Amino acid sequence: MMDSEHILLALIGAGTSFITFCLMRFPRMRRLEFQRYGAFSLMASFFGALAIFFMSTLVVYAHGVWG
């Protein structure tokens, strides 16, 4: 059963994944010095966010095993 620590880690990971997708896809959301670079493709943005999501899932799993 997941306790509150695991749920919080999972929510932070999902939020980070969503923010990664938005920052890669929509350049206006970036800081001013990075807005000059264009938007990534939809596929690149999706796989970037998916990589972050899988890494956060591994953190939650590792925390469950060793924590």
PDB file of N, CA and C in Angstrom:
ATOM      1  N   MET A   1       0.831  -1.178   0.000  1.00  0.00           N
ATOM      2  CA  MET A   1       0.000   0.000   0.000  1.00  0.00           C
ATOM      3  C   MET A   1       0.881   1.248   0.000  1.00  0.00           C
ATOM      4  N   MET A   2       0.483   2.235  -0.771  1.00  0.00           N
ATOM      5  CA  MET A   2       1.266   3.454  -0.866  1.00  0.00           C
ATOM      6  C   MET A   2       0.906   4.402   0.277  1.00  0.00           C
ATOM      7  N   ASP A   3       1.925   4.903   0.953  1.00  0.00           N
ATOM      8  CA  ASP A   3       1.656   5.902   1.971  1.00  0.00           C
ATOM      9  C   ASP A   3       1.819   7.293   1.366  1.00  0.00           C
ATOM     10  N   SER A   4       1.690   8.293   2.185  1.00  0.00           N
ATOM     11  CA  SER A   4       1.656   9.665   1.682  1.00  0.00           C
ATOM     12  C   SER A   4       2.968  10.083   1.020  1.00  0.00           C
ATOM     13  N   GLU A   5       4.095   9.527   1.458  1.00  0.00           N
ATOM     14  CA  GLU A   5       5.379   9.867   0.828  1.00  0.00           C
ATOM     15  C   GLU A   5       5.424   9.406  -0.620  1.00  0.00           C
ATOM     16  N   HIS A   6       4.948   8.201  -0.878  1.00  0.00           N
ATOM     17  CA  HIS A   6       4.944   7.678  -2.245  1.00  0.00           C
ATOM     18  C   HIS A   6       3.986   8.461  -3.139  1.00  0.00           C
ATOM     19  N   ILE A   7       2.847   8.823  -2.583  1.00  0.00           N
ATOM     20  CA  ILE A   7       1.872   9.587  -3.367  1.00  0.00           C
ATOM     21  C   ILE A   7       2.436  10.957  -3.712  1.00  0.00           C
ATOM     22  N   LEU A   8       3.093  11.600  -2.748  1.00  0.00           N
ATOM     23  CA  LEU A   8       3.688  12.909  -3.001  1.00  0.00           C
ATOM     24  C   LEU A   8       4.788  12.820  -4.051  1.00  0.00           C
ATOM     25  N   LEU A   9       5.643  11.816  -3.958  1.00  0.00           N
ATOM     26  CA  LEU A   9       6.688  11.629  -4.969  1.00  0.00           C
ATOM     27  C   LEU A   9       6.099  11.370  -6.352  1.00  0.00           C
ATOM     28  N   ALA A  10       5.039  10.594  -6.417  1.00  0.00           N
ATOM     29  CA  ALA A  10       4.400  10.314  -7.700  1.00  0.00           C
ATOM     30  C   ALA A  10       3.764  11.563  -8.294  1.00  0.00           C
ATOM     31  N   LEU A  11       3.124  12.375  -7.467  1.00  0.00           N
ATOM     32  CA  LEU A  11       2.520  13.619  -7.950  1.00  0.00           C
ATOM     33  C   LEU A  11       3.572  14.610  -8.437  1.00  0.00           C
ATOM     34  N   ILE A  12       4.672  14.717  -7.715  1.00  0.00           N
ATOM     35  CA  ILE A  12       5.755  15.600  -8.146  1.00  0.00           C
ATOM     36  C   ILE A  12       6.338  15.116  -9.468  1.00  0.00           C
ATOM     37  N   GLY A  13       6.504  13.809  -9.622  1.00  0.00           N
ATOM     38  CA  GLY A  13       7.015  13.263 -10.876  1.00  0.00           C
ATOM     39  C   GLY A  13       6.082  13.504 -12.044  1.00  0.00           C
ATOM     40  N   ALA A  14       4.785  13.331 -11.828  1.00  0.00           N
ATOM     41  CA  ALA A  14       3.811  13.570 -12.897  1.00  0.00           C
ATOM     42  C   ALA A  14       3.768  15.049 -13.267  1.00  0.00           C
ATOM     43  N   GLY A  15       3.833  15.909 -12.281  1.00  0.00           N
ATOM     44  CA  GLY A  15       3.860  17.349 -12.545  1.00  0.00           C
ATOM     45  C   GLY A  15       5.107  17.777 -13.290  1.00  0.00           C
ATOM     46  N   THR A  16       6.241  17.216 -12.914  1.00  0.00           N
ATOM     47  CA  THR A  16       7.491  17.525 -13.595  1.00  0.00           C
ATOM     48  C   THR A  16       7.453  17.048 -15.034  1.00  0.00           C
ATOM     49  N   SER A  17       6.867  15.910 -15.267  1.00  0.00           N
ATOM     50  CA  SER A  17       6.730  15.395 -16.625  1.00  0.00           C
ATOM     51  C   SER A  17       5.856  16.321 -17.473  1.00  0.00           C
ATOM     52  N   PHE A  18       4.750  16.789 -16.920  1.00  0.00           N
ATOM     53  CA  PHE A  18       3.865  17.704 -17.637  1.00  0.00           C
ATOM     54  C   PHE A  18       4.562  19.035 -17.939  1.00  0.00           C
ATOM     55  N   ILE A  19       5.285  19.563 -16.967  1.00  0.00           N
ATOM     56  CA  ILE A  19       6.003  20.822 -17.164  1.00  0.00           C
ATOM     57  C   ILE A  19       7.096  20.655 -18.210  1.00  0.00           C
ATOM     58  N   THR A  20       7.771  19.509 -18.222  1.00  0.00           N
ATOM     59  CA  THR A  20       8.780  19.243 -19.242  1.00  0.00           C
ATOM     60  C   THR A  20       8.163  19.268 -20.630  1.00  0.00           C
ATOM     61  N   PHE A  21       7.012  18.629 -20.781  1.00  0.00           N
ATOM     62  CA  PHE A  21       6.330  18.635 -22.070  1.00  0.00           C
ATOM     63  C   PHE A  21       5.989  20.060 -22.495  1.00  0.00           C
ATOM     64  N   CYS A  22       5.432  20.834 -21.577  1.00  0.00           N
ATOM     65  CA  CYS A  22       5.032  22.203 -21.916  1.00  0.00           C
ATOM     66  C   CYS A  22       6.224  23.078 -22.269  1.00  0.00           C
ATOM     67  N   LEU A  23       7.310  22.959 -21.532  1.00  0.00           N
ATOM     68  CA  LEU A  23       8.482  23.776 -21.816  1.00  0.00           C
ATOM     69  C   LEU A  23       9.125  23.397 -23.140  1.00  0.00           C
ATOM     70  N   MET A  24       9.092  22.120 -23.486  1.00  0.00           N
ATOM     71  CA  MET A  24       9.666  21.707 -24.759  1.00  0.00           C
ATOM     72  C   MET A  24       8.774  22.115 -25.925  1.00  0.00           C
ATOM     73  N   ARG A  25       7.481  22.060 -25.735  1.00  0.00           N
ATOM     74  CA  ARG A  25       6.553  22.282 -26.843  1.00  0.00           C
ATOM     75  C   ARG A  25       6.214  23.751 -27.067  1.00  0.00           C
ATOM     76  N   PHE A  26       6.137  24.531 -26.000  1.00  0.00           N
ATOM     77  CA  PHE A  26       5.691  25.919 -26.100  1.00  0.00           C
ATOM     78  C   PHE A  26       6.807  26.868 -25.658  1.00  0.00           C
ATOM     79  N   PRO A  27       7.520  27.470 -26.597  1.00  0.00           N
ATOM     80  CA  PRO A  27       8.679  28.313 -26.246  1.00  0.00           C
ATOM     81  C   PRO A  27       8.318  29.560 -25.440  1.00  0.00           C
ATOM     82  N   ARG A  28       7.092  30.044 -25.522  1.00  0.00           N
ATOM     83  CA  ARG A  28       6.726  31.258 -24.785  1.00  0.00           C
ATOM     84  C   ARG A  28       6.742  31.056 -23.278  1.00  0.00           C
ATOM     85  N   MET A  29       6.683  29.808 -22.834  1.00  0.00           N
ATOM     86  CA  MET A  29       6.685  29.526 -21.397  1.00  0.00           C
ATOM     87  C   MET A  29       8.101  29.521 -20.822  1.00  0.00           C
ATOM     88  N   ARG A  30       9.106  29.510 -21.694  1.00  0.00           N
ATOM     89  CA  ARG A  30      10.491  29.457 -21.232  1.00  0.00           C
ATOM     90  C   ARG A  30      10.958  30.832 -20.781  1.00  0.00           C
ATOM     91  N   ARG A  31      12.130  30.838 -20.108  1.00  0.00           N
ATOM     92  CA  ARG A  31      12.730  32.120 -19.758  1.00  0.00           C
ATOM     93  C   ARG A  31      13.107  32.865 -21.029  1.00  0.00           C
ATOM     94  N   LEU A  32      13.262  34.160 -20.915  1.00  0.00           N
ATOM     95  CA  LEU A  32      13.440  35.027 -22.069  1.00  0.00           C
ATOM     96  C   LEU A  32      14.639  34.634 -22.933  1.00  0.00           C
ATOM     97  N   GLU A  33      15.751  34.279 -22.323  1.00  0.00           N
ATOM     98  CA  GLU A  33      16.941  33.941 -23.109  1.00  0.00           C
ATOM     99  C   GLU A  33      16.812  32.615 -23.856  1.00  0.00           C
ATOM    100  N   PHE A  34      15.859  31.776 -23.476  1.00  0.00           N
ATOM    101  CA  PHE A  34      15.669  30.498 -24.145  1.00  0.00           C
ATOM    102  C   PHE A  34      14.470  30.493 -25.087  1.00  0.00           C
ATOM    103  N   GLN A  35      13.748  31.592 -25.162  1.00  0.00           N
ATOM    104  CA  GLN A  35      12.589  31.662 -26.038  1.00  0.00           C
ATOM    105  C   GLN A  35      12.975  31.730 -27.507  1.00  0.00           C
ATOM    106  N   ARG A  36      14.205  32.134 -27.789  1.00  0.00           N
ATOM    107  CA  ARG A  36      14.612  32.255 -29.195  1.00  0.00           C
ATOM    108  C   ARG A  36      14.733  30.902 -29.881  1.00  0.00           C
ATOM    109  N   TYR A  37      14.906  29.844 -29.119  1.00  0.00           N
ATOM    110  CA  TYR A  37      14.950  28.509 -29.702  1.00  0.00           C
ATOM    111  C   TYR A  37      13.520  28.053 -29.976  1.00  0.00           C
ATOM    112  N   GLY A  38      13.313  27.435 -31.077  1.00  0.00           N
ATOM    113  CA  GLY A  38      11.968  27.037 -31.473  1.00  0.00           C
ATOM    114  C   GLY A  38      11.410  25.894 -30.647  1.00  0.00           C
ATOM    115  N   ALA A  39      10.176  25.581 -30.938  1.00  0.00           N
ATOM    116  CA  ALA A  39       9.495  24.491 -30.240  1.00  0.00           C
ATOM    117  C   ALA A  39      10.007  23.145 -30.732  1.00  0.00           C
ATOM    118  N   PHE A  40      10.059  22.199 -29.848  1.00  0.00           N
ATOM    119  CA  PHE A  40      10.396  20.839 -30.225  1.00  0.00           C
ATOM    120  C   PHE A  40       9.191  20.211 -30.913  1.00  0.00           C
ATOM    121  N   SER A  41       9.410  19.147 -31.628  1.00  0.00           N
ATOM    122  CA  SER A  41       8.290  18.461 -32.266  1.00  0.00           C
ATOM    123  C   SER A  41       7.425  17.803 -31.192  1.00  0.00           C
ATOM    124  N   LEU A  42       6.233  17.444 -31.594  1.00  0.00           N
ATOM    125  CA  LEU A  42       5.307  16.802 -30.666  1.00  0.00           C
ATOM    126  C   LEU A  42       5.878  15.480 -30.157  1.00  0.00           C
ATOM    127  N   MET A  43       6.504  14.732 -31.049  1.00  0.00           N
ATOM    128  CA  MET A  43       7.060  13.432 -30.663  1.00  0.00           C
ATOM    129  C   MET A  43       8.245  13.598 -29.697  1.00  0.00           C
ATOM    130  N   ALA A  44       9.129  14.561 -29.973  1.00  0.00           N
ATOM    131  CA  ALA A  44      10.266  14.793 -29.084  1.00  0.00           C
ATOM    132  C   ALA A  44       9.791  15.266 -27.710  1.00  0.00           C
ATOM    133  N   SER A  45       8.790  16.123 -27.687  1.00  0.00           N
ATOM    134  CA  SER A  45       8.249  16.608 -26.415  1.00  0.00           C
ATOM    135  C   SER A  45       7.614  15.463 -25.628  1.00  0.00           C
ATOM    136  N   PHE A  46       6.893  14.611 -26.320  1.00  0.00           N
ATOM    137  CA  PHE A  46       6.252  13.476 -25.660  1.00  0.00           C
ATOM    138  C   PHE A  46       7.293  12.519 -25.073  1.00  0.00           C
ATOM    139  N   PHE A  47       8.319  12.193 -25.861  1.00  0.00           N
ATOM    140  CA  PHE A  47       9.323  11.256 -25.356  1.00  0.00           C
ATOM    141  C   PHE A  47      10.190  11.872 -24.255  1.00  0.00           C
ATOM    142  N   GLY A  48      10.416  13.176 -24.309  1.00  0.00           N
ATOM    143  CA  GLY A  48      11.127  13.840 -23.215  1.00  0.00           C
ATOM    144  C   GLY A  48      10.339  13.768 -21.921  1.00  0.00           C
ATOM    145  N   ALA A  49       9.039  14.034 -22.021  1.00  0.00           N
ATOM    146  CA  ALA A  49       8.183  13.952 -20.839  1.00  0.00           C
ATOM    147  C   ALA A  49       8.061  12.504 -20.351  1.00  0.00           C
ATOM    148  N   LEU A  50       8.015  11.569 -21.280  1.00  0.00           N
ATOM    149  CA  LEU A  50       7.927  10.161 -20.903  1.00  0.00           C
ATOM    150  C   LEU A  50       9.189   9.698 -20.179  1.00  0.00           C
ATOM    151  N   ALA A  51      10.347  10.173 -20.616  1.00  0.00           N
ATOM    152  CA  ALA A  51      11.601   9.820 -19.941  1.00  0.00           C
ATOM    153  C   ALA A  51      11.608  10.347 -18.509  1.00  0.00           C
ATOM    154  N   ILE A  52      11.156  11.574 -18.313  1.00  0.00           N
ATOM    155  CA  ILE A  52      11.076  12.142 -16.969  1.00  0.00           C
ATOM    156  C   ILE A  52      10.086  11.351 -16.116  1.00  0.00           C
ATOM    157  N   PHE A  53       8.972  10.954 -16.712  1.00  0.00           N
ATOM    158  CA  PHE A  53       7.969  10.178 -15.974  1.00  0.00           C
ATOM    159  C   PHE A  53       8.527   8.822 -15.546  1.00  0.00           C
ATOM    160  N   PHE A  54       9.251   8.140 -16.431  1.00  0.00           N
ATOM    161  CA  PHE A  54       9.831   6.849 -16.068  1.00  0.00           C
ATOM    162  C   PHE A  54      10.899   6.995 -14.987  1.00  0.00           C
ATOM    163  N   MET A  55      11.690   8.045 -15.057  1.00  0.00           N
ATOM    164  CA  MET A  55      12.691   8.265 -14.010  1.00  0.00           C
ATOM    165  C   MET A  55      12.026   8.522 -12.657  1.00  0.00           C
ATOM    166  N   SER A  56      10.948   9.293 -12.658  1.00  0.00           N
ATOM    167  CA  SER A  56      10.257   9.546 -11.392  1.00  0.00           C
ATOM    168  C   SER A  56       9.576   8.278 -10.874  1.00  0.00           C
ATOM    169  N   THR A  57       9.105   7.432 -11.790  1.00  0.00           N
ATOM    170  CA  THR A  57       8.525   6.157 -11.374  1.00  0.00           C
ATOM    171  C   THR A  57       9.586   5.272 -10.724  1.00  0.00           C
ATOM    172  N   LEU A  58      10.791   5.289 -11.266  1.00  0.00           N
ATOM    173  CA  LEU A  58      11.884   4.530 -10.648  1.00  0.00           C
ATOM    174  C   LEU A  58      12.232   5.068  -9.268  1.00  0.00           C
ATOM    175  N   VAL A  59      12.163   6.372  -9.085  1.00  0.00           N
ATOM    176  CA  VAL A  59      12.433   6.963  -7.771  1.00  0.00           C
ATOM    177  C   VAL A  59      11.379   6.502  -6.762  1.00  0.00           C
ATOM    178  N   VAL A  60      10.123   6.504  -7.155  1.00  0.00           N
ATOM    179  CA  VAL A  60       9.053   6.043  -6.256  1.00  0.00           C
ATOM    180  C   VAL A  60       9.248   4.567  -5.921  1.00  0.00           C
ATOM    181  N   TYR A  61       9.588   3.764  -6.919  1.00  0.00           N
ATOM    182  CA  TYR A  61       9.821   2.341  -6.683  1.00  0.00           C
ATOM    183  C   TYR A  61      11.018   2.116  -5.748  1.00  0.00           C
ATOM    184  N   ALA A  62      12.106   2.843  -6.013  1.00  0.00           N
ATOM    185  CA  ALA A  62      13.300   2.694  -5.172  1.00  0.00           C
ATOM    186  C   ALA A  62      13.019   3.149  -3.742  1.00  0.00           C
ATOM    187  N   HIS A  63      12.237   4.174  -3.610  1.00  0.00           N
ATOM    188  CA  HIS A  63      11.882   4.634  -2.265  1.00  0.00           C
ATOM    189  C   HIS A  63      11.039   3.584  -1.537  1.00  0.00           C
ATOM    190  N   GLY A  64      10.206   2.891  -2.272  1.00  0.00           N
ATOM    191  CA  GLY A  64       9.402   1.836  -1.668  1.00  0.00           C
ATOM    192  C   GLY A  64      10.218   0.631  -1.264  1.00  0.00           C
ATOM    193  N   VAL A  65      11.232   0.320  -2.056  1.00  0.00           N
ATOM    194  CA  VAL A  65      12.068  -0.850  -1.773  1.00  0.00           C
ATOM    195  C   VAL A  65      13.045  -0.568  -0.633  1.00  0.00           C
ATOM    196  N   TRP A  66      13.706   0.599  -0.682  1.00  0.00           N
ATOM    197  CA  TRP A  66      14.742   0.886   0.295  1.00  0.00           C
ATOM    198  C   TRP A  66      14.288   1.775   1.422  1.00  0.00           C
ATOM    199  N   GLY A  67      13.108   2.361   1.317  1.00  0.00           N
ATOM    200  CA  GLY A  67      12.677   3.330   2.332  1.00  0.00           C
ATOM    201  C   GLY A  67      11.803   2.765   3.331  1.00  0.00           C
TER     202      GLY A  67
END
